[in-house]
Protein backbone atom coordinates (compact mmCIF):
# COMPACT_ATOMS: atom_id res chain seq x y z
CA UNK A 1 -8.52 -12.24 -10.12
CA UNK A 2 -10.00 -10.08 -7.44
CA UNK A 3 -12.42 -12.64 -6.43
CA UNK A 4 -9.66 -15.13 -5.63
CA UNK A 5 -7.68 -12.49 -3.59
CA UNK A 6 -10.83 -11.60 -1.51
CA UNK A 7 -12.61 -14.94 -1.23
CA UNK A 8 -10.46 -16.50 1.48
CA UNK A 9 -12.60 -14.88 4.23
CA UNK A 10 -15.76 -16.80 5.17
CA UNK A 11 -14.44 -20.51 4.47
CA UNK A 12 -11.15 -19.60 6.39
CA UNK A 13 -13.03 -18.39 9.56
CA UNK A 14 -13.32 -21.92 11.23
CA UNK A 15 -9.76 -22.95 10.20
CA UNK A 16 -8.48 -19.60 11.75
CA UNK A 17 -10.17 -20.07 15.05
CA UNK A 18 -8.67 -23.50 15.40
CA UNK A 19 -5.11 -22.65 14.02
CA UNK A 20 -5.10 -19.70 16.49
CA UNK A 21 -5.55 -21.74 19.57
CA UNK A 22 -2.89 -24.29 18.39
CA UNK A 23 -0.30 -21.67 17.37
CA UNK A 24 -0.76 -19.77 20.59
CA UNK A 25 0.73 -22.60 22.66
CA UNK A 26 3.89 -22.74 20.49
CA UNK A 27 4.52 -19.08 20.47
CA UNK A 28 6.43 -17.16 22.86
CA UNK A 29 3.67 -15.35 24.37
CA UNK A 30 5.90 -12.88 26.14
CA UNK A 31 6.48 -11.30 22.82
CA UNK A 32 2.92 -10.23 22.60
CA UNK A 33 2.53 -9.61 26.40
CA UNK A 34 5.22 -6.92 26.15
CA UNK A 35 3.14 -5.14 23.36
CA UNK A 36 3.55 -1.27 23.62
CA UNK A 37 0.65 0.48 22.08
CA UNK A 38 1.33 3.61 19.87
CA UNK A 39 -2.26 4.47 19.88
CA UNK A 40 -2.72 5.71 23.50
CA UNK A 41 -3.77 9.05 22.27
CA UNK A 42 -5.63 7.83 19.24
CA UNK A 43 -8.95 9.42 20.25
CA UNK A 44 -7.65 12.99 20.07
CA UNK A 45 -4.82 12.53 17.34
CA UNK A 46 -6.22 10.26 14.54
CA UNK A 47 -7.20 12.06 11.66
CA UNK A 48 -10.46 10.67 11.67
CA UNK A 49 -11.17 12.11 15.12
CA UNK A 50 -9.26 15.41 15.00
CA UNK A 51 -9.19 16.73 11.40
CA UNK A 52 -12.00 18.34 9.19
CA UNK A 53 -13.12 17.28 5.86
CA UNK A 54 -10.79 18.75 3.32
CA UNK A 55 -12.36 21.13 0.78
CA UNK A 56 -10.91 22.11 -2.67
CA UNK A 57 -11.01 25.76 -2.75
CA UNK A 58 -13.17 27.27 -5.72
CA UNK A 59 -11.37 29.49 -8.38
CA UNK A 60 -8.16 27.54 -9.15
CA UNK A 61 -6.06 28.86 -11.88
CA UNK A 62 -5.88 27.35 -15.30
CA UNK A 63 -2.12 26.24 -14.61
CA UNK A 64 -2.80 24.83 -11.00
CA UNK A 65 -0.63 21.57 -10.45
CA UNK A 66 -2.61 18.74 -8.80
CA UNK A 67 0.17 16.35 -8.69
CA UNK A 68 4.10 16.69 -8.46
CA UNK A 69 5.47 16.14 -11.94
CA UNK A 70 8.50 14.77 -10.67
CA UNK A 71 6.78 11.86 -9.29
CA UNK A 72 5.25 11.00 -12.70
CA UNK A 73 8.08 9.56 -14.66
CA UNK A 74 6.43 9.72 -18.18
CA UNK A 75 5.63 13.72 -17.60
CA UNK A 76 8.76 14.77 -19.51
CA UNK A 77 8.78 11.96 -22.14
CA UNK A 78 8.85 13.73 -25.64
CA UNK A 79 5.51 12.09 -26.83
CA UNK A 80 3.86 13.60 -23.63
CA UNK A 81 5.46 16.99 -24.14
CA UNK A 82 4.31 17.00 -27.73
CA UNK A 83 0.85 16.61 -26.47
CA UNK A 84 0.85 20.05 -25.16
CA UNK A 85 0.70 21.77 -21.88
CA UNK A 86 -2.97 21.38 -21.30
CA UNK A 87 -2.55 17.55 -21.99
CA UNK A 88 0.36 17.32 -19.57
CA UNK A 89 -1.70 19.31 -16.89
CA UNK A 90 -4.61 16.71 -17.33
CA UNK A 91 -2.08 13.99 -17.02
CA UNK A 92 -1.09 15.10 -13.57
CA UNK A 93 -4.78 15.30 -12.48
CA UNK A 94 -5.23 11.84 -13.76
CA UNK A 95 -2.05 10.86 -11.83
CA UNK A 96 -3.68 12.17 -8.65
CA UNK A 97 -6.90 10.20 -9.58
CA UNK A 98 -4.68 7.12 -9.82
CA UNK A 99 -2.87 7.70 -6.46
CA UNK A 100 -6.17 8.40 -4.64
CA UNK A 101 -7.80 5.26 -6.34
CA UNK A 102 -4.79 3.08 -5.26
CA UNK A 103 -4.88 4.41 -1.73
CA UNK A 104 -8.65 3.55 -1.38
CA UNK A 105 -8.32 0.13 -3.02
CA UNK A 106 -5.23 -0.77 -1.00
CA UNK A 107 -6.99 0.12 2.24
CA UNK A 108 -10.24 -1.61 1.26
CA UNK A 109 -8.85 -4.86 -0.32
CA UNK A 110 -5.42 -5.50 1.37
CA UNK A 111 -5.33 -3.62 4.86
CA UNK A 112 -8.77 -3.58 6.28
CA UNK A 113 -9.61 -7.22 5.99
CA UNK A 114 -6.20 -8.22 7.66
CA UNK A 115 -6.74 -5.75 10.45
CA UNK A 116 -10.17 -7.07 11.01
CA UNK A 117 -8.91 -10.35 11.51
CA UNK A 118 -6.27 -9.30 13.77
CA UNK A 119 -8.91 -7.34 15.89
CA UNK A 120 -11.04 -10.39 16.07
CA UNK A 121 -8.21 -12.84 16.98
CA UNK A 122 -8.73 -14.79 13.92
CA UNK A 123 -5.41 -14.30 12.12
CA UNK A 124 -3.78 -17.70 13.26
CA UNK A 125 -1.49 -16.64 16.08
CA UNK A 126 -1.63 -15.05 19.58
CA UNK A 127 -2.04 -11.33 19.96
CA UNK A 128 -2.66 -9.46 23.41
CA UNK A 129 -5.92 -7.78 24.03
CA UNK A 130 -4.18 -4.43 23.59
CA UNK A 131 -3.16 -5.21 20.01
CA UNK A 132 -6.30 -6.45 18.90
CA UNK A 133 -7.96 -3.27 20.12
CA UNK A 134 -5.57 -1.24 18.15
CA UNK A 135 -6.15 -3.42 15.17
CA UNK A 136 -9.98 -2.08 15.27
CA UNK A 137 -8.44 1.34 15.42
CA UNK A 138 -6.49 0.80 12.16
CA UNK A 139 -9.61 -0.46 10.47
CA UNK A 140 -11.33 2.88 11.56
CA UNK A 141 -8.31 4.70 10.22
CA UNK A 142 -7.93 2.91 6.95
CA UNK A 143 -11.79 3.23 6.05
CA UNK A 144 -11.56 6.90 6.82
CA UNK A 145 -8.51 6.99 4.31
CA UNK A 146 -10.54 5.06 1.62
CA UNK A 147 -13.32 7.48 2.00
CA UNK A 148 -11.53 10.98 2.07
CA UNK A 149 -9.55 9.63 -1.00
CA UNK A 150 -12.59 8.99 -3.03
CA UNK A 151 -14.08 12.34 -1.65
CA UNK A 152 -11.13 14.24 -2.84
CA UNK A 153 -11.15 12.68 -6.32
CA UNK A 154 -14.71 13.74 -6.81
CA UNK A 155 -14.12 17.23 -5.71
CA UNK A 156 -11.25 17.74 -8.03
CA UNK A 157 -13.38 16.29 -10.78
CA UNK A 158 -15.91 19.04 -9.85
CA UNK A 159 -13.24 21.74 -9.77
CA UNK A 160 -11.24 20.83 -12.90
CA UNK A 161 -13.96 19.23 -15.27
CA UNK A 162 -11.47 16.41 -15.77
CA UNK A 163 -13.61 13.30 -16.08
CA UNK A 164 -12.84 10.90 -13.25
CA UNK A 165 -12.92 7.57 -15.27
CA UNK A 166 -14.09 4.21 -13.94
CA UNK A 167 -10.68 2.87 -12.85
CA UNK A 168 -10.03 -0.82 -12.83
CA UNK A 169 -8.71 -2.62 -9.75
CA UNK A 170 -4.96 -1.79 -9.20
CA UNK A 171 -2.33 -4.36 -10.62
CA UNK A 172 -1.27 -5.11 -7.03
CA UNK A 173 -4.44 -7.14 -6.74
CA UNK A 174 -3.51 -9.54 -9.59
CA UNK A 175 0.03 -9.67 -8.52
CA UNK A 176 -0.92 -10.54 -4.90
CA UNK A 177 -3.35 -13.09 -5.86
CA UNK A 178 -0.74 -14.87 -8.00
CA UNK A 179 1.76 -14.94 -4.82
CA UNK A 180 -0.91 -16.10 -2.60
CA UNK A 181 -1.67 -19.03 -4.55
CA UNK A 182 1.96 -20.15 -4.09
CA UNK A 183 2.13 -19.81 -0.47
CA UNK A 184 1.34 -22.95 1.61
CA UNK A 185 1.52 -22.66 5.54
CA UNK A 186 -0.36 -23.65 8.60
CA UNK A 187 -1.11 -19.91 9.15
CA UNK A 188 -4.22 -19.27 7.12
CA UNK A 189 -4.22 -16.14 5.02
CA UNK A 190 -0.43 -15.70 5.64
CA UNK A 191 -0.12 -14.12 1.99
CA UNK A 192 -2.72 -11.51 2.79
CA UNK A 193 -1.06 -10.73 6.18
CA UNK A 194 2.24 -10.34 4.67
CA UNK A 195 0.96 -8.08 2.01
CA UNK A 196 -0.39 -5.72 4.74
CA UNK A 197 2.84 -5.90 6.57
CA UNK A 198 4.77 -4.84 3.62
CA UNK A 199 2.22 -2.08 2.48
CA UNK A 200 2.18 -0.58 5.96
CA UNK A 201 6.02 -0.59 6.44
CA UNK A 202 7.08 0.74 3.16
CA UNK A 203 8.31 4.33 3.37
CA UNK A 204 6.18 6.12 0.74
CA UNK A 205 7.88 9.07 -1.21
CA UNK A 206 4.22 10.61 -1.77
CA UNK A 207 3.12 10.63 1.76
CA UNK A 208 6.74 12.32 2.59
CA UNK A 209 6.60 14.94 -0.34
CA UNK A 210 3.25 15.84 -1.33
CA UNK A 211 2.42 17.67 2.19
CA UNK A 212 5.08 20.16 1.61
CA UNK A 213 4.68 20.84 -2.13
CA UNK A 214 3.17 24.28 -2.12
CA UNK A 215 2.59 24.08 -5.98
CA UNK A 216 -0.58 21.86 -5.06
CA UNK A 217 -3.85 22.85 -3.74
CA UNK A 218 -4.23 22.72 0.13
CA UNK A 219 -6.79 20.33 0.20
CA UNK A 220 -4.49 17.84 -1.51
CA UNK A 221 -1.58 18.56 0.56
CA UNK A 222 -3.71 18.35 3.86
CA UNK A 223 -5.29 15.16 2.81
CA UNK A 224 -1.99 13.41 2.28
CA UNK A 225 -0.62 14.82 5.48
CA UNK A 226 -3.55 13.54 7.38
CA UNK A 227 -2.87 10.22 5.77
CA UNK A 228 0.69 10.29 6.59
CA UNK A 229 0.08 11.28 10.16
CA UNK A 230 -1.89 7.99 10.91
CA UNK A 231 0.37 5.78 8.87
CA UNK A 232 3.21 6.54 11.32
CA UNK A 233 1.41 4.65 13.87
CA UNK A 234 0.28 1.85 11.42
CA UNK A 235 3.89 1.40 10.44
CA UNK A 236 5.11 0.73 14.11
CA UNK A 237 2.02 -1.46 14.75
CA UNK A 238 2.78 -3.88 11.67
CA UNK A 239 6.52 -3.99 12.44
CA UNK A 240 5.58 -5.31 15.70
CA UNK A 241 3.16 -7.93 13.96
CA UNK A 242 5.87 -8.92 11.62
CA UNK A 243 7.88 -10.04 14.57
CA UNK A 244 4.99 -12.05 15.93
CA UNK A 245 3.89 -13.84 13.00
CA UNK A 246 7.45 -14.72 11.77
CA UNK A 247 7.95 -16.67 14.92
CA UNK A 248 4.63 -18.38 14.50
CA UNK A 249 5.93 -19.90 11.57
CA UNK A 250 8.01 -23.37 11.34
CA UNK A 251 11.37 -23.10 9.91
CA UNK A 252 10.39 -25.03 6.99
CA UNK A 253 7.59 -22.46 6.26
CA UNK A 254 10.04 -19.69 6.70
CA UNK A 255 12.30 -20.97 4.13
CA UNK A 256 9.19 -21.57 1.81
CA UNK A 257 7.96 -18.14 2.19
CA UNK A 258 11.03 -16.33 2.50
CA UNK A 259 11.84 -16.16 -1.19
CA UNK A 260 8.56 -14.65 -2.12
CA UNK A 261 9.04 -11.63 0.10
CA UNK A 262 10.63 -9.48 -2.68
CA UNK A 263 7.97 -10.27 -4.95
CA UNK A 264 5.48 -9.00 -2.44
CA UNK A 265 7.45 -5.85 -2.17
CA UNK A 266 7.50 -5.25 -5.81
CA UNK A 267 3.74 -6.19 -6.03
CA UNK A 268 3.10 -2.84 -4.24
CA UNK A 269 6.05 -0.71 -5.55
CA UNK A 270 6.13 -1.47 -9.19
CA UNK A 271 4.24 0.98 -11.22
CA UNK A 272 0.66 0.18 -12.03
CA UNK A 273 1.47 0.24 -15.92
CA UNK A 274 -2.37 -0.37 -16.55
CA UNK A 275 -3.45 2.86 -14.72
CA UNK A 276 -0.56 4.81 -16.31
CA UNK A 277 -1.55 3.72 -19.68
CA UNK A 278 -5.44 4.45 -19.18
CA UNK A 279 -4.16 8.07 -17.97
CA UNK A 280 -1.97 8.51 -21.35
CA UNK A 281 -5.12 7.23 -23.20
CA UNK A 282 -7.14 9.90 -21.51
CA UNK A 283 -4.96 12.58 -22.81
CA UNK A 284 -5.09 11.38 -26.52
CA UNK A 285 -1.97 9.23 -26.81
CA UNK A 286 -2.43 6.12 -29.63
CA UNK A 287 -1.83 2.68 -28.35
CA UNK A 288 1.64 2.54 -30.07
CA UNK A 289 2.61 5.80 -28.46
CA UNK A 290 1.38 4.65 -24.92
CA UNK A 291 3.56 1.58 -25.39
CA UNK A 292 6.56 3.52 -26.20
CA UNK A 293 6.06 5.84 -23.55
CA UNK A 294 5.81 3.06 -20.80
CA UNK A 295 8.78 1.29 -22.21
CA UNK A 296 11.00 4.34 -22.28
CA UNK A 297 9.71 5.93 -18.87
CA UNK A 298 9.83 2.90 -16.86
CA UNK A 299 13.03 0.85 -17.57
CA UNK A 300 13.18 -2.24 -15.53
CA UNK A 301 16.51 -1.57 -13.60
CA UNK A 302 15.36 1.78 -12.81
CA UNK A 303 12.07 0.45 -11.38
CA UNK A 304 14.03 -2.18 -9.40
CA UNK A 305 16.46 0.41 -8.01
CA UNK A 306 13.76 2.81 -7.00
CA UNK A 307 11.78 -0.14 -5.26
CA UNK A 308 14.95 -1.15 -3.38
CA UNK A 309 15.39 2.36 -2.11
CA UNK A 310 11.78 2.67 -0.89
CA UNK A 311 11.71 -0.70 0.78
CA UNK A 312 14.90 -0.28 2.87
CA UNK A 313 13.00 -0.09 6.17
CA UNK A 314 10.82 -3.13 5.43
CA UNK A 315 13.81 -5.08 4.37
CA UNK A 316 15.63 -4.21 7.60
CA UNK A 317 12.59 -5.45 9.68
CA UNK A 318 12.68 -8.65 7.67
CA UNK A 319 16.50 -8.92 8.53
CA UNK A 320 15.80 -8.31 12.19
CA UNK A 321 13.42 -11.17 12.48
CA UNK A 322 15.65 -13.39 10.82
CA UNK A 323 14.15 -13.91 7.50
CA UNK A 324 17.28 -13.24 5.40
CA UNK A 325 19.29 -15.83 7.50
CA UNK A 326 18.05 -18.55 4.86
CA UNK A 327 20.39 -18.37 1.86
CA UNK A 328 17.56 -18.61 -0.71
CA UNK A 329 15.79 -15.65 0.79
CA UNK A 330 18.95 -13.71 1.18
CA UNK A 331 19.66 -14.48 -2.63
CA UNK A 332 16.17 -13.23 -3.50
CA UNK A 333 16.74 -10.02 -1.72
CA UNK A 334 20.01 -9.60 -3.20
CA UNK A 335 18.70 -9.81 -6.75
CA UNK A 336 16.34 -6.87 -5.63
CA UNK A 337 19.17 -4.88 -4.05
CA UNK A 338 21.53 -5.37 -6.67
CA UNK A 339 19.51 -3.45 -9.30
């Protein structure tokens, strides 16, 4: 599935170039001409330019937490409690591994390819030179986020002795591939573009909470704080991109794509059950126990309610560009928000 999600690049290049010139004339270029960069001080404020490598200090206590237990719904499940204190601590380490792996994969697979197309003017719609230049800065930022996430994982493994497993591609890859196969518009790779817009405008509770959690190692807190600082600029950028790309679609295309937007949101926000299951397996739970923990710790209505809360900003942006003016799209969002 990963291959189909990533294989749109080379064969699309010629079509992207042709489509870009055609759509540019149909767009209100004044929108792009009025672009206001949030990257004016990027050379001195981006974490890749201004922050050091975060290093895990030696000598952590045996009860050191590496991830907030409140952000791991299965942490207090009776079967996990019965596994013992050490197993629960190891579950938090593996939860950190999952979070850092998700970050590296998200940046590498879902954001960097789209930002590269935006920077090269190959996304199928008009962007000003300043907006394309900022897209290159996002590529650099996201590559740094992937690198420091991988680096921190390896440091924690060396510090704790908790094996860093070979983690599979996050489930969002399969989810997004399935959605992309159903989107048909004149904007090539629209699915991947919307995936990037959604992922970059969602408000992450992890980015907000972890930097302030004094129970965690400073290197963990500071790494996530560095990421959060950059993502504030990316959030504003992709909000602007949404306004441009949505107006590049025909009314028929908007009606076709709109009802899929809540599914794209859930593709990112729904828990990665496969990764959680692997973490539970790593602390010794049986297959039957893992299934019970997943069912009881992640009830569907609760997952939808948490997703709707986290997506409030993104949903507001889609409403602002008029996506929810379509009754079918409004109904699809209503089903998510009613959870």
